[in-house]
Amino acid sequence: MNDEQLSAAARDHLWMHFTRLSTYQKTPPPMIVRGEGAYVYDSSGKRYLDGLSGLFVVQVGHGRQELADAAAKQAAELAYFPLWSYAHPTAVELAERLANLAPGDLNRVFFTTGGSEAVETAWKLARSYFKRVGKPTKHKVISRHIAYHGTSMGALSITGLPSIKADFEPLVPSGIRVPNTNLYRAPAGTAGADGTDAEAFGRWAADRIEEAILFEGPDTVAAVFLEPVQNSGGCFPPPPGYFQRVREICDTYDVLLVSDEVICAFGRLGEYFGADRYRYQPDIITCAKGMTSGYIPLGAMIASDRLAEPFLHDTNSFLHGVTFGGHPVATAVALANLDIFAREDLTGHVRAHEDLFRSYLRRLEDLPIVGDVRGDGYFYGIELVKDKATRETFNDDESEGLLRGFLSKALFDAGLYCRADDRGDPVIQLAPPLISDETQFAEIEQILRGVLTEAWAQL
């Protein structure tokens, strides 16, 4: 097909995800055809800096021939076989490798095809586990306001975004929300007298989890789902001591701590797992995205030995599975992807460059529209405000005009692919490929400065 035919076919047949289809009834959608390193190219040959790693996915960068070769080699040897009572070598090798990388005794790996399935699997395991250890009423889950945990019905029930749930309600019951760790928007008095005591705020936020457990009844709560850095809302890092206090609460009430690392795992925060970055021990890790750098879909739930133990006896079985979970080609690509991580020390590269990345983004704090710059590793959010002194945010109509009416298109037209989002307060999110360095940081800052300056002038 030529460009005109592709655009027409996209308009008539392609149902794009989380997209207002009306946007492209008269205007063709951007057509990305190629990627190389930290950049992608459209059908006219224009280059864009991939400031979001696709969708927090392409850790090692675009165009890695060895990952394509690993997929082709495996497909020629064994294109498919299920893990339903059978095994194949690449799934076994990857499971062992992930168990060795994961913190503590997280030694059991259940493969899925993506993050929503991994979250769904974790909730089902929590319910199934507690039934087998004589606590059948423990089924509820706690998660944070504005947090995104996936789109399948169970994962969506854990998600804390009312706007993307309304069309599909009623959902799975038993989801409970607690405050997130947005220090910039900390309620008065929770972060010390001047609002800057991060440790006090973290303690307050963690204690709300205990409060929710006690309110619901500890004998009804199965798990707490938390991202190391909360994505939705604009990259909320944990305050000092937050996860240590959450771990203490979970131990007290026999509640599982699930670290949802679909975004944060595989180098995004400078470690293979975000739990290592912030030094806490989860009972389960859910992951996907960067495991294969997006070259093929794959996800996983990694569970502790304690959670697997009841299923090692008698006729017990975890009655759950997905056809393509642990696909031979996907697990082969993941192994090759992890080989690149090890050979190029990508986690070390992120740790060595994250301060420089942060410094480039914080240069934007001199702009009147930039209220807060927050994040860790290669994962940052820039919150936009109407009044810097009072931290006044934009109303819904203003946010719509700013983000969708101007910023998204203007940033893309300027050569930067990133996310302008208002699931919460308006933010710009950045998560470049882990191979990025000062060249890309400077380019990001330059484009953002120009576009945000123009946006402010239009307000």
Protein backbone atom coordinates (compact mmCIF):
# COMPACT_ATOMS: atom_id res chain seq x y z
CA MET A 1 0.00 0.00 0.00
CA ASN A 2 1.09 3.57 -0.59
CA ASP A 3 0.73 6.25 2.11
CA GLU A 4 -2.72 7.33 0.95
CA GLN A 5 -4.00 3.75 0.91
CA LEU A 6 -2.54 3.06 4.36
CA SER A 7 -4.21 6.16 5.80
CA ALA A 8 -7.57 5.19 4.32
CA ALA A 9 -7.27 1.63 5.61
CA ALA A 10 -6.32 2.89 9.07
CA ARG A 11 -9.35 5.18 9.11
CA ASP A 12 -11.75 2.43 8.00
CA HIS A 13 -10.39 -0.68 9.70
CA LEU A 14 -7.83 -0.04 12.45
CA TRP A 15 -9.30 0.45 15.93
CA MET A 16 -6.51 2.21 17.78
CA HIS A 17 -6.15 1.78 21.55
CA PHE A 18 -7.23 4.56 23.93
CA THR A 19 -7.87 6.75 20.87
CA ARG A 20 -10.65 9.10 19.88
CA LEU A 21 -11.42 7.66 16.46
CA SER A 22 -13.04 10.94 15.41
CA THR A 23 -9.57 12.51 15.45
CA TYR A 24 -8.57 10.58 12.35
CA GLN A 25 -11.75 10.69 10.27
CA LYS A 26 -10.35 13.57 8.21
CA THR A 27 -6.72 13.63 9.27
CA PRO A 28 -4.47 10.58 8.72
CA PRO A 29 -2.85 9.09 11.83
CA PRO A 30 0.93 9.35 12.20
CA MET A 31 2.43 6.36 10.39
CA ILE A 32 5.63 5.15 12.07
CA VAL A 33 7.55 2.79 9.81
CA ARG A 34 11.07 2.38 11.19
CA GLY A 35 13.17 2.70 14.33
CA GLU A 36 16.87 3.04 15.02
CA GLY A 37 18.44 3.54 18.43
CA ALA A 38 16.53 6.21 20.34
CA TYR A 39 14.65 7.42 17.25
CA VAL A 40 11.69 6.43 15.07
CA TYR A 41 10.80 7.56 11.54
CA ASP A 42 7.45 8.18 9.86
CA SER A 43 6.43 7.27 6.34
CA SER A 44 7.75 10.57 4.97
CA GLY A 45 11.18 9.97 6.53
CA LYS A 46 10.85 12.50 9.37
CA ARG A 47 12.77 11.54 12.52
CA TYR A 48 11.36 11.69 16.05
CA LEU A 49 13.11 11.19 19.37
CA ASP A 50 11.30 8.35 21.12
CA GLY A 51 10.99 10.00 24.51
CA LEU A 52 8.65 7.32 25.85
CA SER A 53 10.41 4.14 24.67
CA GLY A 54 7.31 3.36 22.63
CA LEU A 55 5.17 2.85 25.73
CA PHE A 56 7.85 2.46 28.44
CA VAL A 57 9.01 -0.61 26.53
CA VAL A 58 11.98 -0.31 24.14
CA GLN A 59 14.77 -0.39 26.72
CA VAL A 60 17.64 -1.38 24.42
CA GLY A 61 16.53 0.90 21.59
CA HIS A 62 15.08 0.24 18.15
CA GLY A 63 16.61 -1.79 15.37
CA ARG A 64 18.54 -4.42 17.35
CA GLN A 65 19.23 -7.07 14.73
CA GLU A 66 20.26 -9.71 17.26
CA LEU A 67 16.78 -9.67 18.80
CA ALA A 68 15.20 -10.18 15.38
CA ASP A 69 17.69 -12.97 14.73
CA ALA A 70 16.89 -14.64 18.06
CA ALA A 71 13.19 -14.64 17.14
CA ALA A 72 13.82 -16.08 13.67
CA LYS A 73 16.15 -18.79 14.99
CA GLN A 74 13.67 -19.91 17.63
CA ALA A 75 10.70 -19.82 15.26
CA ALA A 76 12.58 -22.12 12.88
CA GLU A 77 13.35 -24.59 15.70
CA LEU A 78 10.10 -24.51 17.71
CA ALA A 79 7.56 -21.87 16.82
CA TYR A 80 5.04 -22.75 19.50
CA PHE A 81 4.26 -25.15 22.30
CA PRO A 82 2.17 -24.46 25.41
CA LEU A 83 3.34 -24.52 29.01
CA TRP A 84 0.20 -26.41 30.02
CA SER A 85 1.88 -29.42 31.71
CA TYR A 86 4.82 -29.23 29.30
CA ALA A 87 8.04 -27.24 29.18
CA HIS A 88 10.40 -25.96 26.51
CA PRO A 89 14.03 -24.84 26.94
CA THR A 90 13.78 -21.07 26.47
CA ALA A 91 10.94 -20.75 29.01
CA VAL A 92 12.90 -22.80 31.54
CA GLU A 93 16.10 -20.82 30.98
CA LEU A 94 14.29 -17.48 31.24
CA ALA A 95 12.41 -18.53 34.39
CA GLU A 96 15.71 -19.43 36.06
CA ARG A 97 17.31 -16.18 34.95
CA LEU A 98 14.44 -14.06 36.23
CA ALA A 99 14.42 -15.93 39.54
CA ASN A 100 18.13 -15.20 39.92
CA LEU A 101 17.57 -11.50 39.19
CA ALA A 102 14.48 -11.06 41.37
CA PRO A 103 14.92 -10.06 45.03
CA GLY A 104 14.74 -12.58 47.87
CA ASP A 105 12.89 -15.85 47.39
CA LEU A 106 10.85 -14.84 44.35
CA ASN A 107 11.70 -18.05 42.54
CA ARG A 108 8.51 -19.08 40.74
CA VAL A 109 7.80 -17.51 37.34
CA PHE A 110 4.38 -17.69 35.69
CA PHE A 111 4.52 -16.33 32.14
CA THR A 112 1.81 -14.22 30.50
CA THR A 113 1.71 -12.15 27.31
CA GLY A 114 1.55 -8.72 28.96
CA GLY A 115 1.12 -6.58 32.03
CA SER A 116 -2.66 -6.74 32.50
CA GLU A 117 -2.49 -10.54 32.41
CA ALA A 118 0.36 -10.50 34.94
CA VAL A 119 -1.69 -8.35 37.33
CA GLU A 120 -4.75 -10.53 36.78
CA THR A 121 -2.63 -13.60 37.53
CA ALA A 122 -1.29 -12.08 40.74
CA TRP A 123 -4.77 -11.34 42.10
CA LYS A 124 -5.98 -14.84 41.20
CA LEU A 125 -2.95 -16.38 42.89
CA ALA A 126 -3.53 -14.32 46.04
CA ARG A 127 -7.12 -15.55 46.25
CA SER A 128 -6.19 -19.15 45.45
CA TYR A 129 -3.29 -19.17 47.91
CA PHE A 130 -5.33 -17.93 50.85
CA LYS A 131 -8.05 -20.50 50.18
CA ARG A 132 -5.43 -23.24 50.37
CA VAL A 133 -3.96 -22.05 53.65
CA GLY A 134 -7.29 -21.83 55.43
CA LYS A 135 -8.08 -18.12 54.99
CA PRO A 136 -10.76 -18.19 52.30
CA THR A 137 -12.25 -14.79 53.14
CA LYS A 138 -9.06 -12.92 52.17
CA HIS A 139 -9.88 -11.69 48.66
CA LYS A 140 -9.88 -7.86 48.63
CA VAL A 141 -7.10 -5.74 47.13
CA ILE A 142 -5.80 -2.28 47.97
CA SER A 143 -4.28 0.08 45.40
CA ARG A 144 -3.66 3.81 45.11
CA HIS A 145 -5.66 6.71 43.74
CA ILE A 146 -5.03 7.37 40.01
CA ALA A 147 -2.85 4.24 39.73
CA TYR A 148 -3.10 2.24 36.49
CA HIS A 149 -2.78 -1.54 36.72
CA GLY A 150 -4.24 -2.75 33.42
CA THR A 151 -7.37 -3.10 31.32
CA SER A 152 -8.67 -6.66 31.80
CA MET A 153 -11.65 -6.77 34.15
CA GLY A 154 -9.69 -7.81 37.23
CA ALA A 155 -6.75 -5.49 36.57
CA LEU A 156 -9.14 -2.66 35.75
CA SER A 157 -10.85 -3.24 39.10
CA ILE A 158 -7.50 -2.65 40.81
CA THR A 159 -6.88 0.45 38.70
CA GLY A 160 -7.62 3.72 40.49
CA LEU A 161 -8.83 5.78 37.51
CA PRO A 162 -12.63 6.23 37.55
CA SER A 163 -12.68 7.80 34.09
CA ILE A 164 -11.46 4.67 32.29
CA LYS A 165 -13.63 2.32 34.37
CA ALA A 166 -17.06 3.91 34.05
CA ASP A 167 -17.95 2.35 30.69
CA PHE A 168 -17.28 -1.16 31.97
CA GLU A 169 -18.87 -1.13 35.41
CA PRO A 170 -19.85 -3.06 37.41
CA LEU A 171 -16.37 -4.47 37.76
CA VAL A 172 -14.94 -7.13 40.06
CA PRO A 173 -15.85 -6.06 43.61
CA SER A 174 -13.36 -5.70 46.45
CA GLY A 175 -11.04 -2.99 45.12
CA ILE A 176 -10.09 -0.36 47.73
CA ARG A 177 -8.20 2.93 47.15
CA VAL A 178 -5.67 4.70 49.34
CA PRO A 179 -3.68 7.94 48.77
CA ASN A 180 -0.74 7.94 46.38
CA THR A 181 2.70 9.44 47.05
CA ASN A 182 2.44 12.73 45.15
CA LEU A 183 4.44 14.96 47.51
CA TYR A 184 3.75 18.02 45.34
CA ARG A 185 0.04 17.62 46.12
CA ALA A 186 0.39 16.34 49.70
CA PRO A 187 -2.62 17.23 51.87
CA ALA A 188 -1.95 20.05 54.31
CA GLY A 189 -0.20 18.88 57.45
CA THR A 190 0.92 15.49 56.09
CA ALA A 191 4.40 16.61 55.01
CA GLY A 192 5.43 18.81 57.90
CA ALA A 193 4.68 22.44 58.47
CA ASP A 194 6.21 23.59 55.20
CA GLY A 195 4.99 20.67 53.08
CA THR A 196 8.48 19.38 52.26
CA ASP A 197 8.99 16.58 54.82
CA ALA A 198 8.98 13.61 52.45
CA GLU A 199 9.59 11.04 55.18
CA ALA A 200 6.64 12.26 57.25
CA PHE A 201 4.45 12.24 54.15
CA GLY A 202 5.55 8.70 53.29
CA ARG A 203 4.67 7.50 56.77
CA TRP A 204 1.28 9.17 56.53
CA ALA A 205 0.56 7.63 53.11
CA ALA A 206 1.68 4.16 54.19
CA ASP A 207 -0.41 4.33 57.36
CA ARG A 208 -3.51 4.89 55.23
CA ILE A 209 -2.96 1.34 53.96
CA GLU A 210 -3.09 0.02 57.51
CA GLU A 211 -6.19 2.13 58.12
CA ALA A 212 -7.89 0.59 55.06
CA ILE A 213 -6.96 -2.95 56.11
CA LEU A 214 -8.41 -2.39 59.57
CA PHE A 215 -11.54 -0.76 58.20
CA GLU A 216 -12.21 -3.62 55.76
CA GLY A 217 -11.09 -6.30 58.22
CA PRO A 218 -7.67 -7.96 58.00
CA ASP A 219 -9.35 -11.32 57.41
CA THR A 220 -10.79 -9.98 54.12
CA VAL A 221 -7.75 -8.27 52.56
CA ALA A 222 -5.49 -10.40 50.36
CA ALA A 223 -3.02 -8.01 48.72
CA VAL A 224 -1.74 -4.50 48.21
CA PHE A 225 -0.76 -3.59 44.62
CA LEU A 226 1.82 -0.79 44.35
CA GLU A 227 4.15 0.41 41.60
CA PRO A 228 7.69 1.34 42.71
CA VAL A 229 7.14 4.69 40.94
CA GLN A 230 3.47 5.28 40.21
CA ASN A 231 3.05 5.95 36.51
CA SER A 232 -0.43 7.43 36.14
CA GLY A 233 -0.63 10.95 37.48
CA GLY A 234 2.93 11.66 36.46
CA CYS A 235 5.68 9.56 38.05
CA PHE A 236 5.28 9.61 41.85
CA PRO A 237 8.44 8.22 43.52
CA PRO A 238 8.11 6.67 46.98
CA PRO A 239 9.12 8.90 49.89
CA PRO A 240 11.95 7.60 52.11
CA GLY A 241 10.76 4.75 54.32
CA TYR A 242 7.41 4.35 52.54
CA PHE A 243 7.88 0.82 51.26
CA GLN A 244 9.56 -0.33 54.46
CA ARG A 245 6.49 0.78 56.41
CA VAL A 246 4.17 -0.89 53.88
CA ARG A 247 6.13 -4.13 54.23
CA GLU A 248 5.76 -3.93 57.99
CA ILE A 249 1.99 -3.42 57.67
CA CYS A 250 1.61 -6.32 55.25
CA ASP A 251 3.54 -8.62 57.57
CA THR A 252 1.40 -7.61 60.55
CA TYR A 253 -1.89 -8.46 58.84
CA ASP A 254 -0.73 -11.29 56.53
CA VAL A 255 -1.40 -9.27 53.39
CA LEU A 256 0.62 -9.86 50.21
CA LEU A 257 2.70 -6.99 48.84
CA VAL A 258 2.55 -7.02 45.04
CA SER A 259 5.13 -4.84 43.30
CA ASP A 260 3.59 -3.97 39.94
CA GLU A 261 6.70 -3.42 37.83
CA VAL A 262 5.23 -3.64 34.35
CA ILE A 263 6.90 -0.27 33.69
CA CYS A 264 9.53 -0.05 36.42
CA ALA A 265 11.35 -3.37 35.88
CA PHE A 266 14.25 -4.06 33.53
CA GLY A 267 16.37 -1.00 34.01
CA ARG A 268 13.83 1.82 33.93
CA LEU A 269 14.93 2.83 37.44
CA GLY A 270 18.55 1.69 37.13
CA GLU A 271 17.96 -1.82 38.52
CA TYR A 272 16.43 -4.95 37.09
CA PHE A 273 13.57 -4.48 39.54
CA GLY A 274 12.28 -1.36 41.23
CA ALA A 275 11.99 -3.25 44.52
CA ASP A 276 15.79 -3.39 44.57
CA ARG A 277 16.02 0.34 43.86
CA TYR A 278 13.96 1.14 46.95
CA ARG A 279 15.10 -1.83 49.06
CA TYR A 280 11.87 -3.63 49.85
CA GLN A 281 10.88 -7.26 49.52
CA PRO A 282 7.61 -7.97 47.70
CA ASP A 283 5.73 -11.26 47.76
CA ILE A 284 4.96 -10.99 44.06
CA ILE A 285 6.38 -8.97 41.18
CA THR A 286 4.36 -8.39 38.01
CA CYS A 287 6.37 -7.40 34.94
CA ALA A 288 6.25 -7.22 31.14
CA LYS A 289 7.19 -4.45 28.65
CA GLY A 290 10.98 -4.14 28.95
CA MET A 291 11.51 -7.88 29.40
CA THR A 292 11.78 -8.17 25.63
CA SER A 293 12.27 -4.44 24.93
CA GLY A 294 8.99 -4.71 23.07
CA TYR A 295 10.34 -6.83 20.24
CA ILE A 296 7.63 -9.37 21.03
CA PRO A 297 4.91 -9.51 23.74
CA LEU A 298 5.77 -11.21 27.03
CA GLY A 299 4.89 -10.72 30.68
CA ALA A 300 5.32 -12.58 33.95
CA MET A 301 4.23 -12.92 37.54
CA ILE A 302 7.15 -13.81 39.80
CA ALA A 303 6.02 -15.28 43.11
CA SER A 304 7.74 -16.25 46.34
CA ASP A 305 8.43 -19.83 47.35
CA ARG A 306 5.88 -19.41 50.16
CA LEU A 307 3.08 -18.77 47.67
CA ALA A 308 4.05 -21.73 45.50
CA GLU A 309 4.35 -24.17 48.41
CA PRO A 310 0.66 -25.19 48.74
CA PHE A 311 0.59 -26.07 45.04
CA LEU A 312 3.45 -28.56 45.37
CA HIS A 313 1.31 -31.16 47.13
CA ASP A 314 -1.43 -33.66 46.36
CA THR A 315 -3.91 -32.66 43.65
CA ASN A 316 -3.55 -28.91 44.14
CA SER A 317 -3.24 -26.87 40.97
CA PHE A 318 -3.31 -23.17 40.12
CA LEU A 319 -6.17 -23.35 37.64
CA HIS A 320 -5.09 -20.49 35.44
CA GLY A 321 -3.27 -20.14 32.13
CA VAL A 322 -3.04 -18.28 28.83
CA THR A 323 -2.37 -19.80 25.41
CA PHE A 324 0.62 -17.67 24.50
CA GLY A 325 2.16 -17.21 27.97
CA GLY A 326 5.83 -18.19 27.81
CA HIS A 327 5.78 -18.46 24.01
CA PRO A 328 9.05 -20.03 22.79
CA VAL A 329 9.87 -17.14 20.45
CA ALA A 330 9.09 -14.53 23.11
CA THR A 331 11.20 -16.21 25.79
CA ALA A 332 14.09 -16.59 23.32
CA VAL A 333 13.93 -12.87 22.56
CA ALA A 334 13.81 -12.06 26.28
CA LEU A 335 16.98 -14.07 26.86
CA ALA A 336 18.74 -12.23 24.05
CA ASN A 337 17.46 -8.92 25.44
CA LEU A 338 18.88 -9.72 28.88
CA ASP A 339 22.17 -10.65 27.21
CA ILE A 340 22.32 -7.09 25.84
CA PHE A 341 21.54 -5.71 29.31
CA ALA A 342 24.44 -7.66 30.80
CA ARG A 343 26.93 -7.00 28.00
CA GLU A 344 26.28 -3.26 27.83
CA ASP A 345 25.54 -2.79 31.56
CA LEU A 346 22.38 -0.86 30.81
CA THR A 347 21.30 -0.69 34.45
CA GLY A 348 24.69 0.83 35.27
CA HIS A 349 24.31 3.22 32.34
CA VAL A 350 21.01 4.50 33.76
CA ARG A 351 22.47 4.93 37.24
CA ALA A 352 25.47 6.80 35.81
CA HIS A 353 23.32 9.17 33.73
CA GLU A 354 20.11 9.67 35.74
CA ASP A 355 21.39 12.75 37.57
CA LEU A 356 22.32 14.34 34.26
CA PHE A 357 18.90 13.53 32.82
CA ARG A 358 17.25 15.05 35.89
CA SER A 359 19.40 18.18 35.63
CA TYR A 360 18.33 18.79 32.02
CA LEU A 361 14.67 18.44 32.92
CA ARG A 362 15.00 20.68 35.96
CA ARG A 363 16.32 23.46 33.77
CA LEU A 364 12.70 23.77 32.67
CA GLU A 365 11.69 24.84 36.18
CA ASP A 366 12.41 28.44 35.16
CA LEU A 367 9.30 28.32 32.93
CA PRO A 368 6.10 29.65 34.53
CA ILE A 369 4.06 26.66 33.34
CA VAL A 370 6.32 24.04 35.00
CA GLY A 371 5.28 23.30 38.55
CA ASP A 372 7.10 20.10 39.44
CA VAL A 373 9.72 17.79 37.94
CA ARG A 374 9.74 14.35 39.57
CA GLY A 375 10.87 10.79 38.99
CA ASP A 376 13.90 8.53 39.14
CA GLY A 377 16.11 6.67 36.70
CA TYR A 378 14.88 7.24 33.15
CA PHE A 379 11.26 7.79 34.24
CA TYR A 380 10.07 11.38 34.78
CA GLY A 381 6.95 13.48 34.93
CA ILE A 382 6.68 17.25 34.52
CA GLU A 383 3.54 18.69 36.11
CA LEU A 384 2.10 21.77 34.42
CA VAL A 385 0.40 24.52 36.43
CA LYS A 386 -1.58 27.69 35.80
CA ASP A 387 -0.04 29.50 38.76
CA LYS A 388 3.40 28.47 39.99
CA ALA A 389 3.18 30.32 43.30
CA THR A 390 -0.14 28.80 44.39
CA ARG A 391 0.25 25.50 42.46
CA GLU A 392 -3.16 26.13 40.89
CA THR A 393 -3.87 23.54 38.24
CA PHE A 394 -5.90 23.76 35.04
CA ASN A 395 -9.60 22.99 34.99
CA ASP A 396 -10.93 20.23 32.74
CA ASP A 397 -11.63 22.46 29.74
CA GLU A 398 -8.26 24.20 30.03
CA SER A 399 -6.47 20.86 30.36
CA GLU A 400 -8.27 19.52 27.29
CA GLY A 401 -7.22 22.53 25.25
CA LEU A 402 -3.66 22.53 26.54
CA LEU A 403 -2.87 18.83 26.22
CA ARG A 404 -4.99 17.60 23.31
CA GLY A 405 -5.60 20.91 21.62
CA PHE A 406 -1.96 21.94 21.51
CA LEU A 407 0.82 20.07 23.35
CA SER A 408 0.47 16.54 22.00
CA LYS A 409 0.58 17.62 18.36
CA ALA A 410 3.08 20.44 18.89
CA LEU A 411 5.60 18.19 20.66
CA PHE A 412 5.27 15.52 17.97
CA ASP A 413 5.58 18.08 15.18
CA ALA A 414 8.73 19.39 16.90
CA GLY A 415 10.25 15.90 16.74
CA LEU A 416 9.57 14.55 20.25
CA TYR A 417 7.30 11.60 20.95
CA CYS A 418 6.29 11.59 24.64
CA ARG A 419 3.06 11.62 26.65
CA ALA A 420 0.93 14.62 27.55
CA ASP A 421 -1.57 13.25 30.05
CA ASP A 422 -4.23 14.44 32.50
CA ARG A 423 -5.15 11.31 34.40
CA GLY A 424 -4.77 13.44 37.49
CA ASP A 425 -3.18 16.86 37.07
CA PRO A 426 -1.72 17.74 33.62
CA VAL A 427 1.72 16.26 33.08
CA ILE A 428 4.27 15.47 30.40
CA GLN A 429 5.89 12.08 30.85
CA LEU A 430 9.32 11.02 29.64
CA ALA A 431 10.92 7.59 29.58
CA PRO A 432 13.58 7.43 26.84
CA PRO A 433 15.35 4.20 25.83
CA LEU A 434 18.00 3.16 28.35
CA ILE A 435 20.74 3.69 25.76
CA SER A 436 20.03 7.44 25.78
CA ASP A 437 22.69 9.91 26.90
CA GLU A 438 23.34 13.65 26.99
CA THR A 439 22.64 14.04 23.28
CA GLN A 440 19.05 12.92 23.79
CA PHE A 441 18.66 14.75 27.12
CA ALA A 442 19.66 18.05 25.51
CA GLU A 443 17.29 17.45 22.60
CA ILE A 444 14.40 16.69 24.96
CA GLU A 445 15.04 19.86 26.98
CA GLN A 446 15.35 22.03 23.89
CA ILE A 447 12.10 20.80 22.32
CA LEU A 448 10.17 20.98 25.59
CA ARG A 449 11.40 24.50 26.28
CA GLY A 450 10.26 25.78 22.91
CA VAL A 451 6.86 24.10 22.93
CA LEU A 452 6.05 24.89 26.59
CA THR A 453 7.03 28.52 26.08
CA GLU A 454 4.63 28.69 23.15
CA ALA A 455 1.92 26.94 25.16
CA TRP A 456 2.22 29.50 27.96
CA ALA A 457 2.00 32.37 25.48
CA GLN A 458 -1.30 30.97 24.19
CA LEU A 459 -2.95 30.70 27.62
